[in-house]
Amino acid sequence: FKIINDSLGHDIGDLLLSEIASRLRLNL
């Protein structure tokens, strides 16, 4: 995550976190 956040920016990092949360919700 840190590499993604540092290289692509915090906006993409936030989108990734939101998508991770969505996948966790859908699979539990």
PDB file of all heavy atoms in Angstrom:
ATOM      1  N   PHE A   1       0.816  -1.215   0.000  1.00  0.00           N
ATOM      2  CA  PHE A   1       0.000   0.000   0.000  1.00  0.00           C
ATOM      3  C   PHE A   1       0.851   1.267   0.000  1.00  0.00           C
ATOM      4  O   PHE A   1       0.556   2.218  -0.719  1.00  0.00           O
ATOM      5  CB  PHE A   1      -0.942   0.005   1.211  1.00  0.00           C
ATOM      6  CG  PHE A   1      -1.777   1.255   1.282  1.00  0.00           C
ATOM      7  CD1 PHE A   1      -2.838   1.439   0.429  1.00  0.00           C
ATOM      8  CD2 PHE A   1      -1.466   2.262   2.189  1.00  0.00           C
ATOM      9  CE1 PHE A   1      -3.605   2.602   0.477  1.00  0.00           C
ATOM     10  CE2 PHE A   1      -2.220   3.414   2.244  1.00  0.00           C
ATOM     11  CZ  PHE A   1      -3.291   3.584   1.383  1.00  0.00           C
ATOM     12  N   LYS A   2       1.909   1.287   0.788  1.00  0.00           N
ATOM     13  CA  LYS A   2       2.730   2.505   0.876  1.00  0.00           C
ATOM     14  C   LYS A   2       3.346   2.844  -0.484  1.00  0.00           C
ATOM     15  O   LYS A   2       3.396   4.008  -0.892  1.00  0.00           O
ATOM     16  CB  LYS A   2       3.833   2.339   1.921  1.00  0.00           C
ATOM     17  CG  LYS A   2       4.617   3.625   2.177  1.00  0.00           C
ATOM     18  CD  LYS A   2       5.637   3.445   3.278  1.00  0.00           C
ATOM     19  CE  LYS A   2       6.291   4.786   3.638  1.00  0.00           C
ATOM     20  NZ  LYS A   2       6.894   5.464   2.492  1.00  0.00           N
ATOM     21  N   ILE A   3       3.796   1.823  -1.201  1.00  0.00           N
ATOM     22  CA  ILE A   3       4.382   2.065  -2.525  1.00  0.00           C
ATOM     23  C   ILE A   3       3.333   2.642  -3.466  1.00  0.00           C
ATOM     24  O   ILE A   3       3.594   3.600  -4.206  1.00  0.00           O
ATOM     25  CB  ILE A   3       4.954   0.751  -3.094  1.00  0.00           C
ATOM     26  CG1 ILE A   3       6.110   0.257  -2.223  1.00  0.00           C
ATOM     27  CG2 ILE A   3       5.407   0.934  -4.534  1.00  0.00           C
ATOM     28  CD1 ILE A   3       6.636  -1.103  -2.623  1.00  0.00           C
ATOM     29  N   ILE A   4       2.132   2.069  -3.422  1.00  0.00           N
ATOM     30  CA  ILE A   4       1.049   2.551  -4.288  1.00  0.00           C
ATOM     31  C   ILE A   4       0.676   3.983  -3.916  1.00  0.00           C
ATOM     32  O   ILE A   4       0.522   4.850  -4.782  1.00  0.00           O
ATOM     33  CB  ILE A   4      -0.169   1.621  -4.166  1.00  0.00           C
ATOM     34  CG1 ILE A   4       0.164   0.243  -4.730  1.00  0.00           C
ATOM     35  CG2 ILE A   4      -1.387   2.215  -4.876  1.00  0.00           C
ATOM     36  CD1 ILE A   4      -0.847  -0.816  -4.398  1.00  0.00           C
ATOM     37  N   ASN A   5       0.557   4.242  -2.632  1.00  0.00           N
ATOM     38  CA  ASN A   5       0.168   5.567  -2.153  1.00  0.00           C
ATOM     39  C   ASN A   5       1.220   6.610  -2.528  1.00  0.00           C
ATOM     40  O   ASN A   5       0.887   7.719  -2.963  1.00  0.00           O
ATOM     41  CB  ASN A   5      -0.015   5.515  -0.631  1.00  0.00           C
ATOM     42  CG  ASN A   5      -1.048   6.509  -0.133  1.00  0.00           C
ATOM     43  OD1 ASN A   5      -2.046   6.767  -0.804  1.00  0.00           O
ATOM     44  ND2 ASN A   5      -0.817   7.054   1.038  1.00  0.00           N
ATOM     45  N   ASP A   6       2.495   6.253  -2.358  1.00  0.00           N
ATOM     46  CA  ASP A   6       3.580   7.208  -2.642  1.00  0.00           C
ATOM     47  C   ASP A   6       3.774   7.433  -4.136  1.00  0.00           C
ATOM     48  O   ASP A   6       4.099   8.543  -4.561  1.00  0.00           O
ATOM     49  CB  ASP A   6       4.889   6.713  -2.022  1.00  0.00           C
ATOM     50  CG  ASP A   6       4.866   6.753  -0.499  1.00  0.00           C
ATOM     51  OD1 ASP A   6       3.953   7.401   0.056  1.00  0.00           O
ATOM     52  OD2 ASP A   6       5.750   6.143   0.123  1.00  0.00           O
ATOM     53  N   SER A   7       3.586   6.383  -4.943  1.00  0.00           N
ATOM     54  CA  SER A   7       3.865   6.507  -6.369  1.00  0.00           C
ATOM     55  C   SER A   7       2.684   7.040  -7.173  1.00  0.00           C
ATOM     56  O   SER A   7       2.866   7.819  -8.119  1.00  0.00           O
ATOM     57  CB  SER A   7       4.312   5.154  -6.940  1.00  0.00           C
ATOM     58  OG  SER A   7       3.292   4.179  -6.758  1.00  0.00           O
ATOM     59  N   LEU A   8       1.469   6.640  -6.818  1.00  0.00           N
ATOM     60  CA  LEU A   8       0.285   7.046  -7.586  1.00  0.00           C
ATOM     61  C   LEU A   8      -0.498   8.173  -6.938  1.00  0.00           C
ATOM     62  O   LEU A   8      -1.400   8.744  -7.563  1.00  0.00           O
ATOM     63  CB  LEU A   8      -0.643   5.842  -7.789  1.00  0.00           C
ATOM     64  CG  LEU A   8      -0.039   4.649  -8.539  1.00  0.00           C
ATOM     65  CD1 LEU A   8      -1.075   3.549  -8.704  1.00  0.00           C
ATOM     66  CD2 LEU A   8       0.520   5.070  -9.894  1.00  0.00           C
ATOM     67  N   GLY A   9      -0.198   8.493  -5.674  1.00  0.00           N
ATOM     68  CA  GLY A   9      -0.863   9.605  -5.007  1.00  0.00           C
ATOM     69  C   GLY A   9      -1.915   9.144  -4.022  1.00  0.00           C
ATOM     70  O   GLY A   9      -2.434   8.020  -4.088  1.00  0.00           O
ATOM     71  N   HIS A  10      -2.260  10.037  -3.104  1.00  0.00           N
ATOM     72  CA  HIS A  10      -3.195   9.694  -2.038  1.00  0.00           C
ATOM     73  C   HIS A  10      -4.617   9.488  -2.554  1.00  0.00           C
ATOM     74  O   HIS A  10      -5.384   8.729  -1.957  1.00  0.00           O
ATOM     75  CB  HIS A  10      -3.180  10.790  -0.968  1.00  0.00           C
ATOM     76  CG  HIS A  10      -1.887  10.866  -0.209  1.00  0.00           C
ATOM     77  ND1 HIS A  10      -1.555   9.960   0.763  1.00  0.00           N
ATOM     78  CD2 HIS A  10      -0.829  11.714  -0.310  1.00  0.00           C
ATOM     79  CE1 HIS A  10      -0.357  10.254   1.257  1.00  0.00           C
ATOM     80  NE2 HIS A  10       0.096  11.310   0.614  1.00  0.00           N
ATOM     81  N   ASP A  11      -4.981  10.140  -3.660  1.00  0.00           N
ATOM     82  CA  ASP A  11      -6.323   9.939  -4.205  1.00  0.00           C
ATOM     83  C   ASP A  11      -6.510   8.488  -4.636  1.00  0.00           C
ATOM     84  O   ASP A  11      -7.551   7.871  -4.359  1.00  0.00           O
ATOM     85  CB  ASP A  11      -6.566  10.876  -5.391  1.00  0.00           C
ATOM     86  CG  ASP A  11      -6.721  12.328  -4.965  1.00  0.00           C
ATOM     87  OD1 ASP A  11      -6.916  12.555  -3.754  1.00  0.00           O
ATOM     88  OD2 ASP A  11      -6.629  13.214  -5.829  1.00  0.00           O
ATOM     89  N   ILE A  12      -5.507   7.945  -5.315  1.00  0.00           N
ATOM     90  CA  ILE A  12      -5.579   6.544  -5.743  1.00  0.00           C
ATOM     91  C   ILE A  12      -5.506   5.637  -4.526  1.00  0.00           C
ATOM     92  O   ILE A  12      -6.204   4.616  -4.451  1.00  0.00           O
ATOM     93  CB  ILE A  12      -4.444   6.213  -6.734  1.00  0.00           C
ATOM     94  CG1 ILE A  12      -4.589   7.069  -7.998  1.00  0.00           C
ATOM     95  CG2 ILE A  12      -4.443   4.732  -7.079  1.00  0.00           C
ATOM     96  CD1 ILE A  12      -5.881   6.829  -8.751  1.00  0.00           C
ATOM     97  N   GLY A  13      -4.681   6.025  -3.539  1.00  0.00           N
ATOM     98  CA  GLY A  13      -4.605   5.242  -2.308  1.00  0.00           C
ATOM     99  C   GLY A  13      -5.950   5.175  -1.603  1.00  0.00           C
ATOM    100  O   GLY A  13      -6.359   4.114  -1.111  1.00  0.00           O
ATOM    101  N   ASP A  14      -6.667   6.308  -1.562  1.00  0.00           N
ATOM    102  CA  ASP A  14      -7.997   6.326  -0.933  1.00  0.00           C
ATOM    103  C   ASP A  14      -8.990   5.469  -1.711  1.00  0.00           C
ATOM    104  O   ASP A  14      -9.825   4.776  -1.117  1.00  0.00           O
ATOM    105  CB  ASP A  14      -8.509   7.766  -0.837  1.00  0.00           C
ATOM    106  CG  ASP A  14      -7.779   8.578   0.222  1.00  0.00           C
ATOM    107  OD1 ASP A  14      -7.035   7.975   1.019  1.00  0.00           O
ATOM    108  OD2 ASP A  14      -7.949   9.815   0.242  1.00  0.00           O
ATOM    109  N   LEU A  15      -8.902   5.524  -3.049  1.00  0.00           N
ATOM    110  CA  LEU A  15      -9.786   4.681  -3.859  1.00  0.00           C
ATOM    111  C   LEU A  15      -9.512   3.201  -3.597  1.00  0.00           C
ATOM    112  O   LEU A  15     -10.442   2.389  -3.532  1.00  0.00           O
ATOM    113  CB  LEU A  15      -9.593   4.993  -5.344  1.00  0.00           C
ATOM    114  CG  LEU A  15     -10.171   6.312  -5.859  1.00  0.00           C
ATOM    115  CD1 LEU A  15      -9.788   6.527  -7.317  1.00  0.00           C
ATOM    116  CD2 LEU A  15     -11.685   6.331  -5.710  1.00  0.00           C
ATOM    117  N   LEU A  16      -8.242   2.876  -3.444  1.00  0.00           N
ATOM    118  CA  LEU A  16      -7.878   1.485  -3.156  1.00  0.00           C
ATOM    119  C   LEU A  16      -8.455   1.038  -1.819  1.00  0.00           C
ATOM    120  O   LEU A  16      -9.026  -0.058  -1.706  1.00  0.00           O
ATOM    121  CB  LEU A  16      -6.361   1.329  -3.157  1.00  0.00           C
ATOM    122  CG  LEU A  16      -5.827  -0.054  -2.752  1.00  0.00           C
ATOM    123  CD1 LEU A  16      -6.361  -1.135  -3.689  1.00  0.00           C
ATOM    124  CD2 LEU A  16      -4.294  -0.051  -2.750  1.00  0.00           C
ATOM    125  N   LEU A  17      -8.342   1.882  -0.805  1.00  0.00           N
ATOM    126  CA  LEU A  17      -8.891   1.533   0.509  1.00  0.00           C
ATOM    127  C   LEU A  17     -10.404   1.349   0.446  1.00  0.00           C
ATOM    128  O   LEU A  17     -10.951   0.430   1.069  1.00  0.00           O
ATOM    129  CB  LEU A  17      -8.529   2.613   1.526  1.00  0.00           C
ATOM    130  CG  LEU A  17      -7.042   2.728   1.884  1.00  0.00           C
ATOM    131  CD1 LEU A  17      -6.800   3.954   2.755  1.00  0.00           C
ATOM    132  CD2 LEU A  17      -6.553   1.469   2.597  1.00  0.00           C
ATOM    133  N   SER A  18     -11.080   2.198  -0.291  1.00  0.00           N
ATOM    134  CA  SER A  18     -12.536   2.076  -0.433  1.00  0.00           C
ATOM    135  C   SER A  18     -12.908   0.784  -1.152  1.00  0.00           C
ATOM    136  O   SER A  18     -13.880   0.107  -0.791  1.00  0.00           O
ATOM    137  CB  SER A  18     -13.098   3.281  -1.194  1.00  0.00           C
ATOM    138  OG  SER A  18     -12.882   4.483  -0.469  1.00  0.00           O
ATOM    139  N   GLU A  19     -12.138   0.430  -2.166  1.00  0.00           N
ATOM    140  CA  GLU A  19     -12.406  -0.799  -2.903  1.00  0.00           C
ATOM    141  C   GLU A  19     -12.133  -2.033  -2.046  1.00  0.00           C
ATOM    142  O   GLU A  19     -12.872  -3.024  -2.089  1.00  0.00           O
ATOM    143  CB  GLU A  19     -11.561  -0.843  -4.176  1.00  0.00           C
ATOM    144  CG  GLU A  19     -11.769  -2.078  -5.027  1.00  0.00           C
ATOM    145  CD  GLU A  19     -13.187  -2.222  -5.566  1.00  0.00           C
ATOM    146  OE1 GLU A  19     -13.885  -1.198  -5.660  1.00  0.00           O
ATOM    147  OE2 GLU A  19     -13.580  -3.360  -5.873  1.00  0.00           O
ATOM    148  N   ILE A  20     -11.079  -1.964  -1.237  1.00  0.00           N
ATOM    149  CA  ILE A  20     -10.785  -3.061  -0.305  1.00  0.00           C
ATOM    150  C   ILE A  20     -11.938  -3.247   0.672  1.00  0.00           C
ATOM    151  O   ILE A  20     -12.386  -4.372   0.922  1.00  0.00           O
ATOM    152  CB  ILE A  20      -9.471  -2.779   0.454  1.00  0.00           C
ATOM    153  CG1 ILE A  20      -8.266  -2.920  -0.486  1.00  0.00           C
ATOM    154  CG2 ILE A  20      -9.318  -3.734   1.642  1.00  0.00           C
ATOM    155  CD1 ILE A  20      -6.979  -2.381   0.099  1.00  0.00           C
ATOM    156  N   ALA A  21     -12.438  -2.141   1.222  1.00  0.00           N
ATOM    157  CA  ALA A  21     -13.567  -2.210   2.149  1.00  0.00           C
ATOM    158  C   ALA A  21     -14.785  -2.841   1.479  1.00  0.00           C
ATOM    159  O   ALA A  21     -15.492  -3.657   2.085  1.00  0.00           O
ATOM    160  CB  ALA A  21     -13.909  -0.812   2.668  1.00  0.00           C
ATOM    161  N   SER A  22     -15.037  -2.475   0.229  1.00  0.00           N
ATOM    162  CA  SER A  22     -16.176  -3.020  -0.497  1.00  0.00           C
ATOM    163  C   SER A  22     -16.028  -4.526  -0.688  1.00  0.00           C
ATOM    164  O   SER A  22     -16.992  -5.285  -0.512  1.00  0.00           O
ATOM    165  CB  SER A  22     -16.301  -2.324  -1.854  1.00  0.00           C
ATOM    166  OG  SER A  22     -17.362  -2.871  -2.606  1.00  0.00           O
ATOM    167  N   ARG A  23     -14.835  -4.982  -1.029  1.00  0.00           N
ATOM    168  CA  ARG A  23     -14.626  -6.424  -1.235  1.00  0.00           C
ATOM    169  C   ARG A  23     -14.803  -7.192   0.075  1.00  0.00           C
ATOM    170  O   ARG A  23     -15.345  -8.301   0.080  1.00  0.00           O
ATOM    171  CB  ARG A  23     -13.232  -6.678  -1.808  1.00  0.00           C
ATOM    172  CG  ARG A  23     -13.066  -6.188  -3.225  1.00  0.00           C
ATOM    173  CD  ARG A  23     -11.754  -6.649  -3.829  1.00  0.00           C
ATOM    174  NE  ARG A  23     -11.531  -6.066  -5.142  1.00  0.00           N
ATOM    175  CZ  ARG A  23     -10.526  -6.361  -5.951  1.00  0.00           C
ATOM    176  NH1 ARG A  23      -9.628  -7.266  -5.562  1.00  0.00           N
ATOM    177  NH2 ARG A  23     -10.394  -5.785  -7.120  1.00  0.00           N
ATOM    178  N   LEU A  24     -14.340  -6.618   1.167  1.00  0.00           N
ATOM    179  CA  LEU A  24     -14.498  -7.290   2.455  1.00  0.00           C
ATOM    180  C   LEU A  24     -15.977  -7.403   2.816  1.00  0.00           C
ATOM    181  O   LEU A  24     -16.437  -8.435   3.312  1.00  0.00           O
ATOM    182  CB  LEU A  24     -13.734  -6.530   3.539  1.00  0.00           C
ATOM    183  CG  LEU A  24     -12.203  -6.578   3.436  1.00  0.00           C
ATOM    184  CD1 LEU A  24     -11.572  -5.671   4.484  1.00  0.00           C
ATOM    185  CD2 LEU A  24     -11.686  -8.004   3.596  1.00  0.00           C
ATOM    186  N   ARG A  25     -16.744  -6.341   2.578  1.00  0.00           N
ATOM    187  CA  ARG A  25     -18.187  -6.362   2.875  1.00  0.00           C
ATOM    188  C   ARG A  25     -18.886  -7.448   2.045  1.00  0.00           C
ATOM    189  O   ARG A  25     -19.712  -8.204   2.555  1.00  0.00           O
ATOM    190  CB  ARG A  25     -18.817  -5.007   2.534  1.00  0.00           C
ATOM    191  CG  ARG A  25     -18.722  -3.950   3.604  1.00  0.00           C
ATOM    192  CD  ARG A  25     -19.758  -2.886   3.315  1.00  0.00           C
ATOM    193  NE  ARG A  25     -19.585  -1.706   4.154  1.00  0.00           N
ATOM    194  CZ  ARG A  25     -18.938  -0.626   3.785  1.00  0.00           C
ATOM    195  NH1 ARG A  25     -18.366  -0.555   2.596  1.00  0.00           N
ATOM    196  NH2 ARG A  25     -18.837   0.417   4.593  1.00  0.00           N
ATOM    197  N   LEU A  26     -18.565  -7.494   0.759  1.00  0.00           N
ATOM    198  CA  LEU A  26     -19.257  -8.398  -0.147  1.00  0.00           C
ATOM    199  C   LEU A  26     -18.954  -9.866   0.148  1.00  0.00           C
ATOM    200  O   LEU A  26     -19.750 -10.742  -0.193  1.00  0.00           O
ATOM    201  CB  LEU A  26     -18.869  -8.082  -1.598  1.00  0.00           C
ATOM    202  CG  LEU A  26     -19.407  -6.772  -2.173  1.00  0.00           C
ATOM    203  CD1 LEU A  26     -18.806  -6.502  -3.539  1.00  0.00           C
ATOM    204  CD2 LEU A  26     -20.935  -6.816  -2.258  1.00  0.00           C
ATOM    205  N   ASN A  27     -17.821 -10.124   0.772  1.00  0.00           N
ATOM    206  CA  ASN A  27     -17.392 -11.505   0.971  1.00  0.00           C
ATOM    207  C   ASN A  27     -17.555 -11.998   2.397  1.00  0.00           C
ATOM    208  O   ASN A  27     -17.060 -13.072   2.736  1.00  0.00           O
ATOM    209  CB  ASN A  27     -15.939 -11.658   0.524  1.00  0.00           C
ATOM    210  CG  ASN A  27     -15.802 -11.668  -0.978  1.00  0.00           C
ATOM    211  OD1 ASN A  27     -15.947 -12.688  -1.616  1.00  0.00           O
ATOM    212  ND2 ASN A  27     -15.550 -10.485  -1.554  1.00  0.00           N
ATOM    213  N   LEU A  28     -18.238 -11.210   3.233  1.00  0.00           N
ATOM    214  CA  LEU A  28     -18.473 -11.618   4.613  1.00  0.00           C
ATOM    215  C   LEU A  28     -19.912 -11.289   4.999  1.00  0.00           C
ATOM    216  O   LEU A  28     -20.534 -10.387   4.426  1.00  0.00           O
ATOM    217  CB  LEU A  28     -17.515 -10.897   5.571  1.00  0.00           C
ATOM    218  CG  LEU A  28     -16.042 -11.286   5.471  1.00  0.00           C
ATOM    219  CD1 LEU A  28     -15.202 -10.294   6.252  1.00  0.00           C
ATOM    220  CD2 LEU A  28     -15.806 -12.696   5.983  1.00  0.00           C
TER     221      LEU A  28
END
